[in-house]
Amino acid sequence: MSKMYRVAVLVGSLRKDSINRKVAKALIGLAPASLELGFAEIGDLPLYNQDNDENPPEAWTAFRERIRAADALLFVTPEYNRSVPGPLKNALDVGSRPYGQSAWDGKPGAVVSASPGAIGGFGANHHLRQSLVFLNVPAMQQPEVYLGGADKLFGGDGKIASEGTRTFLQKFMHAFADWIAANAKPASAAF
């Protein structure tokens, strides 16, 4: 029996009908059996303020514990102004503090970006990767995923309509499982 890896899924968009949340759900459905994926919600995290490090809000503590409990991280994000959305950047900051106690440290990750635009969130994808380097999150290099025209990817049933896109994303998830197996350290808590 192969090892089961727990993956925290972070979606950069907070919108109820988010394209990126749809992509994340599709990725979860295409994942191999060795991955247990669950959302790590970022929408209710108070803005990071170092003044609160000694007495952190409960939402920060719960979020940090959720990330620490994961073996790996999957980021699915749109692009806002050639970067990641503010709530996702805030989640990175909350999880990385207090200094020296980063919940992100050493967890293998992958980045998927999706956008109605033609370049599929390329700027956000690479900007996020810059932050992940500093946070010591080894991000999978290949295959890269930039889903352009993502607003047209889904059928009326909420599933990916294109067989080619579905196959590509399934291969991505299998490559991600291999990446995790090669880079994971034991998680520190229950998922």
C-alpha atoms as a PDB file:
ATOM      1  CA  MET A   1       0.000   0.000   0.000  1.00  0.00           C
ATOM      2  CA  SER A   2       1.378   3.416  -0.945  1.00  0.00           C
ATOM      3  CA  LYS A   3       1.604   6.268   1.510  1.00  0.00           C
ATOM      4  CA  MET A   4      -1.332   8.698   1.680  1.00  0.00           C
ATOM      5  CA  TYR A   5      -0.340  12.390   1.518  1.00  0.00           C
ATOM      6  CA  ARG A   6      -2.533  15.187   2.871  1.00  0.00           C
ATOM      7  CA  VAL A   7      -2.657  18.253   0.630  1.00  0.00           C
ATOM      8  CA  ALA A   8      -3.964  21.651   1.713  1.00  0.00           C
ATOM      9  CA  VAL A   9      -5.621  23.391  -1.239  1.00  0.00           C
ATOM     10  CA  LEU A  10      -5.528  27.209  -1.183  1.00  0.00           C
ATOM     11  CA  VAL A  11      -7.709  29.118  -3.636  1.00  0.00           C
ATOM     12  CA  GLY A  12      -6.732  32.728  -4.262  1.00  0.00           C
ATOM     13  CA  SER A  13     -10.205  33.920  -5.239  1.00  0.00           C
ATOM     14  CA  LEU A  14     -12.902  34.487  -2.623  1.00  0.00           C
ATOM     15  CA  ARG A  15     -15.756  34.882  -5.122  1.00  0.00           C
ATOM     16  CA  LYS A  16     -18.634  32.436  -4.594  1.00  0.00           C
ATOM     17  CA  ASP A  17     -18.644  31.354  -8.250  1.00  0.00           C
ATOM     18  CA  SER A  18     -14.864  31.492  -8.604  1.00  0.00           C
ATOM     19  CA  ILE A  19     -13.337  29.916 -11.699  1.00  0.00           C
ATOM     20  CA  ASN A  20     -10.330  28.974  -9.608  1.00  0.00           C
ATOM     21  CA  ARG A  21     -12.446  27.177  -6.992  1.00  0.00           C
ATOM     22  CA  LYS A  22     -14.018  25.216  -9.856  1.00  0.00           C
ATOM     23  CA  VAL A  23     -10.529  24.356 -11.115  1.00  0.00           C
ATOM     24  CA  ALA A  24      -9.483  23.307  -7.601  1.00  0.00           C
ATOM     25  CA  LYS A  25     -12.536  21.030  -7.285  1.00  0.00           C
ATOM     26  CA  ALA A  26     -11.736  19.521 -10.676  1.00  0.00           C
ATOM     27  CA  LEU A  27      -8.126  18.893  -9.600  1.00  0.00           C
ATOM     28  CA  ILE A  28      -9.328  17.207  -6.413  1.00  0.00           C
ATOM     29  CA  GLY A  29     -11.520  14.934  -8.523  1.00  0.00           C
ATOM     30  CA  LEU A  30      -8.610  14.069 -10.828  1.00  0.00           C
ATOM     31  CA  ALA A  31      -6.091  13.324  -8.075  1.00  0.00           C
ATOM     32  CA  PRO A  32      -4.659   9.851  -7.616  1.00  0.00           C
ATOM     33  CA  ALA A  33      -5.794   7.828  -4.590  1.00  0.00           C
ATOM     34  CA  SER A  34      -2.501   8.569  -2.784  1.00  0.00           C
ATOM     35  CA  LEU A  35      -3.573  12.200  -2.235  1.00  0.00           C
ATOM     36  CA  GLU A  36      -6.139  13.384   0.294  1.00  0.00           C
ATOM     37  CA  LEU A  37      -6.979  16.963  -0.629  1.00  0.00           C
ATOM     38  CA  GLY A  38      -8.900  19.468   1.470  1.00  0.00           C
ATOM     39  CA  PHE A  39      -9.426  23.207   1.306  1.00  0.00           C
ATOM     40  CA  ALA A  40      -7.536  25.540   3.639  1.00  0.00           C
ATOM     41  CA  GLU A  41      -9.846  28.538   3.573  1.00  0.00           C
ATOM     42  CA  ILE A  42      -8.301  32.021   3.546  1.00  0.00           C
ATOM     43  CA  GLY A  43     -11.328  34.335   3.322  1.00  0.00           C
ATOM     44  CA  ASP A  44     -11.807  34.924   7.052  1.00  0.00           C
ATOM     45  CA  LEU A  45      -8.179  35.529   8.001  1.00  0.00           C
ATOM     46  CA  PRO A  46      -7.719  38.946   9.623  1.00  0.00           C
ATOM     47  CA  LEU A  47      -5.008  40.993   7.932  1.00  0.00           C
ATOM     48  CA  TYR A  48      -1.567  40.140   9.229  1.00  0.00           C
ATOM     49  CA  ASN A  49      -0.295  42.638  11.810  1.00  0.00           C
ATOM     50  CA  GLN A  50       2.852  41.826  13.776  1.00  0.00           C
ATOM     51  CA  ASP A  51       1.347  43.551  16.824  1.00  0.00           C
ATOM     52  CA  ASN A  52      -0.922  40.502  17.178  1.00  0.00           C
ATOM     53  CA  ASP A  53       1.860  37.871  17.209  1.00  0.00           C
ATOM     54  CA  GLU A  54       1.831  37.472  20.999  1.00  0.00           C
ATOM     55  CA  ASN A  55      -1.951  37.077  21.128  1.00  0.00           C
ATOM     56  CA  PRO A  56      -2.944  35.894  17.637  1.00  0.00           C
ATOM     57  CA  PRO A  57      -6.553  35.805  16.451  1.00  0.00           C
ATOM     58  CA  GLU A  58      -8.080  32.315  16.612  1.00  0.00           C
ATOM     59  CA  ALA A  59      -8.432  32.297  12.812  1.00  0.00           C
ATOM     60  CA  TRP A  60      -4.651  32.682  12.454  1.00  0.00           C
ATOM     61  CA  THR A  61      -3.971  29.854  14.908  1.00  0.00           C
ATOM     62  CA  ALA A  62      -6.442  27.484  13.229  1.00  0.00           C
ATOM     63  CA  PHE A  63      -5.061  28.305   9.775  1.00  0.00           C
ATOM     64  CA  ARG A  64      -1.452  27.738  10.862  1.00  0.00           C
ATOM     65  CA  GLU A  65      -2.414  24.395  12.410  1.00  0.00           C
ATOM     66  CA  ARG A  66      -4.210  23.396   9.204  1.00  0.00           C
ATOM     67  CA  ILE A  67      -1.112  24.148   7.123  1.00  0.00           C
ATOM     68  CA  ARG A  68       1.222  22.393   9.578  1.00  0.00           C
ATOM     69  CA  ALA A  69      -0.999  19.289   9.389  1.00  0.00           C
ATOM     70  CA  ALA A  70      -0.610  19.073   5.606  1.00  0.00           C
ATOM     71  CA  ASP A  71       2.124  17.138   3.865  1.00  0.00           C
ATOM     72  CA  ALA A  72       1.924  19.360   0.785  1.00  0.00           C
ATOM     73  CA  LEU A  73       0.298  22.473  -0.675  1.00  0.00           C
ATOM     74  CA  LEU A  74      -1.674  23.137  -3.855  1.00  0.00           C
ATOM     75  CA  PHE A  75      -2.208  26.787  -4.791  1.00  0.00           C
ATOM     76  CA  VAL A  76      -4.900  27.645  -7.353  1.00  0.00           C
ATOM     77  CA  THR A  77      -5.057  31.342  -8.108  1.00  0.00           C
ATOM     78  CA  PRO A  78      -6.308  34.006 -10.466  1.00  0.00           C
ATOM     79  CA  GLU A  79      -4.190  36.984 -11.431  1.00  0.00           C
ATOM     80  CA  TYR A  80      -4.955  40.419 -10.019  1.00  0.00           C
ATOM     81  CA  ASN A  81      -2.833  43.230 -11.463  1.00  0.00           C
ATOM     82  CA  ARG A  82      -0.038  40.825 -12.513  1.00  0.00           C
ATOM     83  CA  SER A  83       0.176  39.349  -9.017  1.00  0.00           C
ATOM     84  CA  VAL A  84      -1.710  37.173  -6.551  1.00  0.00           C
ATOM     85  CA  PRO A  85      -4.917  38.386  -4.895  1.00  0.00           C
ATOM     86  CA  GLY A  86      -4.499  40.177  -1.559  1.00  0.00           C
ATOM     87  CA  PRO A  87      -6.195  37.440   0.505  1.00  0.00           C
ATOM     88  CA  LEU A  88      -3.692  34.855  -0.747  1.00  0.00           C
ATOM     89  CA  LYS A  89      -0.728  37.104   0.037  1.00  0.00           C
ATOM     90  CA  ASN A  90      -2.203  37.698   3.489  1.00  0.00           C
ATOM     91  CA  ALA A  91      -2.487  33.920   4.013  1.00  0.00           C
ATOM     92  CA  LEU A  92       1.193  33.531   3.090  1.00  0.00           C
ATOM     93  CA  ASP A  93       2.086  36.200   5.643  1.00  0.00           C
ATOM     94  CA  VAL A  94      -0.115  34.751   8.401  1.00  0.00           C
ATOM     95  CA  GLY A  95       1.302  31.265   7.872  1.00  0.00           C
ATOM     96  CA  SER A  96       4.897  32.476   7.869  1.00  0.00           C
ATOM     97  CA  ARG A  97       4.776  34.181  11.266  1.00  0.00           C
ATOM     98  CA  PRO A  98       5.928  34.573  13.958  1.00  0.00           C
ATOM     99  CA  TYR A  99       9.379  34.744  12.410  1.00  0.00           C
ATOM    100  CA  GLY A 100      11.148  31.397  12.606  1.00  0.00           C
ATOM    101  CA  GLN A 101       7.887  29.440  13.039  1.00  0.00           C
ATOM    102  CA  SER A 102       6.625  29.279   9.453  1.00  0.00           C
ATOM    103  CA  ALA A 103       3.902  26.704   8.853  1.00  0.00           C
ATOM    104  CA  TRP A 104       4.971  26.552   5.190  1.00  0.00           C
ATOM    105  CA  ASP A 105       8.560  25.456   5.808  1.00  0.00           C
ATOM    106  CA  GLY A 106       9.671  22.535   3.660  1.00  0.00           C
ATOM    107  CA  LYS A 107       6.245  21.494   2.370  1.00  0.00           C
ATOM    108  CA  PRO A 108       6.276  20.593  -1.328  1.00  0.00           C
ATOM    109  CA  GLY A 109       3.849  22.595  -3.404  1.00  0.00           C
ATOM    110  CA  ALA A 110       2.414  23.216  -6.827  1.00  0.00           C
ATOM    111  CA  VAL A 111       0.886  26.274  -8.456  1.00  0.00           C
ATOM    112  CA  VAL A 112      -2.018  26.398 -10.898  1.00  0.00           C
ATOM    113  CA  SER A 113      -3.298  29.673 -12.283  1.00  0.00           C
ATOM    114  CA  ALA A 114      -6.497  30.184 -14.227  1.00  0.00           C
ATOM    115  CA  SER A 115      -7.942  33.238 -15.892  1.00  0.00           C
ATOM    116  CA  PRO A 116     -10.431  34.209 -18.585  1.00  0.00           C
ATOM    117  CA  GLY A 117      -7.472  35.962 -20.245  1.00  0.00           C
ATOM    118  CA  ALA A 118      -5.195  34.385 -22.826  1.00  0.00           C
ATOM    119  CA  ILE A 119      -2.067  34.073 -20.663  1.00  0.00           C
ATOM    120  CA  GLY A 120      -3.837  32.137 -17.916  1.00  0.00           C
ATOM    121  CA  GLY A 121      -2.560  34.048 -14.909  1.00  0.00           C
ATOM    122  CA  PHE A 122       1.119  33.722 -15.845  1.00  0.00           C
ATOM    123  CA  GLY A 123       2.105  36.786 -13.785  1.00  0.00           C
ATOM    124  CA  ALA A 124       0.369  35.558 -10.625  1.00  0.00           C
ATOM    125  CA  ASN A 125       1.794  32.083 -11.055  1.00  0.00           C
ATOM    126  CA  HIS A 126       5.363  33.356 -11.183  1.00  0.00           C
ATOM    127  CA  HIS A 127       4.906  36.026  -8.534  1.00  0.00           C
ATOM    128  CA  LEU A 128       3.581  33.353  -6.157  1.00  0.00           C
ATOM    129  CA  ARG A 129       6.555  31.138  -6.961  1.00  0.00           C
ATOM    130  CA  GLN A 130       8.878  33.969  -5.854  1.00  0.00           C
ATOM    131  CA  SER A 131       7.222  34.029  -2.429  1.00  0.00           C
ATOM    132  CA  LEU A 132       7.338  30.237  -2.189  1.00  0.00           C
ATOM    133  CA  VAL A 133      11.117  30.287  -2.695  1.00  0.00           C
ATOM    134  CA  PHE A 134      11.503  32.515   0.364  1.00  0.00           C
ATOM    135  CA  LEU A 135       9.026  30.406   2.361  1.00  0.00           C
ATOM    136  CA  ASN A 136      11.052  27.257   1.579  1.00  0.00           C
ATOM    137  CA  VAL A 137       8.191  25.596  -0.298  1.00  0.00           C
ATOM    138  CA  PRO A 138       9.765  23.519  -3.075  1.00  0.00           C
ATOM    139  CA  ALA A 139       7.365  24.197  -5.944  1.00  0.00           C
ATOM    140  CA  MET A 140       7.002  21.634  -8.709  1.00  0.00           C
ATOM    141  CA  GLN A 141       8.545  23.017 -11.886  1.00  0.00           C
ATOM    142  CA  GLN A 142       6.892  20.795 -14.519  1.00  0.00           C
ATOM    143  CA  PRO A 143       4.309  20.492 -15.792  1.00  0.00           C
ATOM    144  CA  GLU A 144       3.333  24.141 -15.516  1.00  0.00           C
ATOM    145  CA  VAL A 145      -0.363  25.026 -15.512  1.00  0.00           C
ATOM    146  CA  TYR A 146      -1.670  28.336 -16.855  1.00  0.00           C
ATOM    147  CA  LEU A 147      -5.303  27.893 -17.828  1.00  0.00           C
ATOM    148  CA  GLY A 148      -6.277  30.639 -20.263  1.00  0.00           C
ATOM    149  CA  GLY A 149      -9.899  31.066 -21.316  1.00  0.00           C
ATOM    150  CA  ALA A 150     -10.783  29.330 -18.053  1.00  0.00           C
ATOM    151  CA  ASP A 151     -14.261  30.835 -17.988  1.00  0.00           C
ATOM    152  CA  LYS A 152     -15.102  28.550 -20.926  1.00  0.00           C
ATOM    153  CA  LEU A 153     -13.591  25.333 -19.531  1.00  0.00           C
ATOM    154  CA  PHE A 154     -16.637  24.094 -17.651  1.00  0.00           C
ATOM    155  CA  GLY A 155     -19.854  22.554 -18.856  1.00  0.00           C
ATOM    156  CA  GLY A 156     -23.266  23.102 -17.296  1.00  0.00           C
ATOM    157  CA  ASP A 157     -22.574  20.247 -14.867  1.00  0.00           C
ATOM    158  CA  GLY A 158     -19.592  22.131 -13.390  1.00  0.00           C
ATOM    159  CA  LYS A 159     -17.087  19.640 -14.795  1.00  0.00           C
ATOM    160  CA  ILE A 160     -14.304  20.328 -17.272  1.00  0.00           C
ATOM    161  CA  ALA A 161     -15.836  20.048 -20.712  1.00  0.00           C
ATOM    162  CA  SER A 162     -12.645  19.422 -22.710  1.00  0.00           C
ATOM    163  CA  GLU A 163     -11.265  15.880 -22.597  1.00  0.00           C
ATOM    164  CA  GLY A 164      -7.811  17.232 -23.524  1.00  0.00           C
ATOM    165  CA  THR A 165      -7.815  19.667 -20.571  1.00  0.00           C
ATOM    166  CA  ARG A 166      -9.087  16.968 -18.209  1.00  0.00           C
ATOM    167  CA  THR A 167      -6.322  14.582 -19.339  1.00  0.00           C
ATOM    168  CA  PHE A 168      -3.665  17.289 -18.968  1.00  0.00           C
ATOM    169  CA  LEU A 169      -4.831  18.154 -15.439  1.00  0.00           C
ATOM    170  CA  GLN A 170      -4.956  14.493 -14.450  1.00  0.00           C
ATOM    171  CA  LYS A 171      -1.346  14.074 -15.621  1.00  0.00           C
ATOM    172  CA  PHE A 172      -0.469  17.193 -13.629  1.00  0.00           C
ATOM    173  CA  MET A 173      -1.995  15.699 -10.466  1.00  0.00           C
ATOM    174  CA  HIS A 174      -0.100  12.441 -10.949  1.00  0.00           C
ATOM    175  CA  ALA A 175       3.148  14.380 -11.435  1.00  0.00           C
ATOM    176  CA  PHE A 176       2.310  16.356  -8.283  1.00  0.00           C
ATOM    177  CA  ALA A 177       1.814  13.109  -6.331  1.00  0.00           C
ATOM    178  CA  ASP A 178       5.280  11.985  -7.469  1.00  0.00           C
ATOM    179  CA  TRP A 179       6.712  15.391  -6.499  1.00  0.00           C
ATOM    180  CA  ILE A 180       5.197  15.123  -3.030  1.00  0.00           C
ATOM    181  CA  ALA A 181       6.496  11.572  -2.527  1.00  0.00           C
ATOM    182  CA  ALA A 182      10.007  12.725  -3.455  1.00  0.00           C
ATOM    183  CA  ASN A 183       9.948  15.868  -1.257  1.00  0.00           C
ATOM    184  CA  ALA A 184       7.536  15.413   1.669  1.00  0.00           C
ATOM    185  CA  LYS A 185       8.548  15.585   5.302  1.00  0.00           C
ATOM    186  CA  PRO A 186       6.248  14.216   8.004  1.00  0.00           C
ATOM    187  CA  ALA A 187       3.418  16.622   8.938  1.00  0.00           C
ATOM    188  CA  SER A 188       3.329  17.818  12.531  1.00  0.00           C
ATOM    189  CA  ALA A 189      -0.324  17.404  13.398  1.00  0.00           C
ATOM    190  CA  ALA A 190      -3.668  15.830  12.489  1.00  0.00           C
ATOM    191  CA  PHE A 191      -5.202  16.954   9.197  1.00  0.00           C
END
